[in-house]
Amino acid sequence: MKAGDILVARGSDEEAVLLQNGHVSINDEEMSMQDWLRRVTGWKSVETYKFAIHKESGKISADFQAAPINAEEAALPLRPRQPAPPLWT
């Protein structure tokens, strides 16, 4: 996906435009994809990558996460996930 692509919230006809920073624009209002999907669904939390659908291709956002965006990004080394700090010390 790229900036300017239109996303549709699964189960509705609500659309948003993807911005360069990963947020979305709805009627010239910028917000996170999570906030947009929570507004549309009325839920407290939404699995963003399963509920934001790329309008042109019909694919869910998660399908795009697995594929590199370009050759330069594909060449970047993967960083290991850092362990979460302990809740109590």
Protein backbone atom coordinates (compact mmCIF):
# COMPACT_ATOMS: atom_id res chain seq x y z
CA MET A 1 0.00 0.00 0.00
CA LYS A 2 1.08 3.55 -0.55
CA ALA A 3 0.05 7.03 0.49
CA GLY A 4 -3.10 8.07 -1.34
CA ASP A 5 -4.59 4.57 -1.46
CA ILE A 6 -8.18 4.21 -0.30
CA LEU A 7 -8.98 1.86 2.57
CA VAL A 8 -12.40 0.47 3.43
CA ALA A 9 -13.37 -0.70 6.91
CA ARG A 10 -14.41 -4.37 6.81
CA GLY A 11 -18.14 -4.77 7.21
CA SER A 12 -18.95 -1.19 6.23
CA ASP A 13 -18.68 1.18 3.32
CA GLU A 14 -16.65 3.74 5.30
CA GLU A 15 -13.57 4.87 3.38
CA ALA A 16 -10.34 6.59 4.40
CA VAL A 17 -7.27 7.77 2.51
CA LEU A 18 -3.91 6.37 3.65
CA LEU A 19 -1.37 9.08 4.50
CA GLN A 20 2.43 8.92 4.18
CA ASN A 21 2.84 8.63 7.98
CA GLY A 22 0.53 5.57 8.20
CA HIS A 23 -2.43 7.53 9.53
CA VAL A 24 -5.61 7.98 7.54
CA SER A 25 -7.60 11.01 6.44
CA ILE A 26 -11.39 11.12 6.65
CA ASN A 27 -13.05 14.33 5.46
CA ASP A 28 -9.74 16.18 5.93
CA GLU A 29 -9.42 14.90 9.53
CA GLU A 30 -6.21 12.96 10.26
CA MET A 31 -6.25 10.09 12.72
CA SER A 32 -4.59 6.74 13.35
CA MET A 33 -5.98 3.74 11.51
CA GLN A 34 -6.90 2.24 14.90
CA ASP A 35 -8.91 5.34 15.88
CA TRP A 36 -10.70 5.33 12.52
CA LEU A 37 -11.63 1.64 12.79
CA ARG A 38 -12.76 2.03 16.41
CA ARG A 39 -14.98 4.92 15.34
CA VAL A 40 -16.48 2.87 12.49
CA THR A 41 -17.02 -0.35 14.47
CA GLY A 42 -17.79 1.13 17.87
CA TRP A 43 -15.36 -1.35 19.44
CA LYS A 44 -12.69 -0.56 22.06
CA SER A 45 -9.99 -2.26 20.01
CA VAL A 46 -9.76 -3.49 16.43
CA GLU A 47 -7.22 -5.76 14.72
CA THR A 48 -6.16 -3.02 12.35
CA TYR A 49 -4.40 -5.22 9.80
CA LYS A 50 -7.44 -7.50 9.49
CA PHE A 51 -10.13 -4.83 9.31
CA ALA A 52 -8.57 -2.24 6.98
CA ILE A 53 -9.12 -3.39 3.41
CA HIS A 54 -7.29 -1.96 0.39
CA LYS A 55 -10.17 -0.86 -1.85
CA GLU A 56 -8.44 -1.40 -5.20
CA SER A 57 -7.14 -4.92 -4.52
CA GLY A 58 -9.60 -6.14 -1.89
CA LYS A 59 -6.68 -7.37 0.24
CA ILE A 60 -6.50 -6.84 3.99
CA SER A 61 -3.64 -4.70 5.28
CA ALA A 62 -1.93 -7.77 6.78
CA ASP A 63 -1.38 -9.14 3.26
CA PHE A 64 0.75 -6.10 2.48
CA GLN A 65 2.76 -6.35 5.71
CA ALA A 66 4.39 -9.61 4.66
CA ALA A 67 5.69 -8.30 1.33
CA PRO A 68 8.55 -5.80 1.10
CA ILE A 69 7.56 -2.43 -0.35
CA ASN A 70 10.64 -2.15 -2.56
CA ALA A 71 14.07 -3.68 -3.18
CA GLU A 72 15.79 -1.24 -0.83
CA GLU A 73 13.52 -2.23 2.05
CA ALA A 74 13.96 -5.92 1.21
CA ALA A 75 17.71 -5.53 1.69
CA LEU A 76 17.39 -4.13 5.22
CA PRO A 77 18.33 -6.61 7.97
CA LEU A 78 15.57 -7.69 10.30
CA ARG A 79 15.89 -6.45 13.85
CA PRO A 80 15.20 -9.00 16.59
CA ARG A 81 12.27 -8.18 18.81
CA GLN A 82 13.35 -6.73 22.13
CA PRO A 83 11.96 -8.46 25.24
CA ALA A 84 9.42 -6.48 27.19
CA PRO A 85 10.68 -5.02 30.46
CA PRO A 86 9.41 -6.73 33.60
CA LEU A 87 6.18 -5.34 35.01
CA TRP A 88 7.47 -5.50 38.57
CA THR A 89 11.00 -5.29 39.85
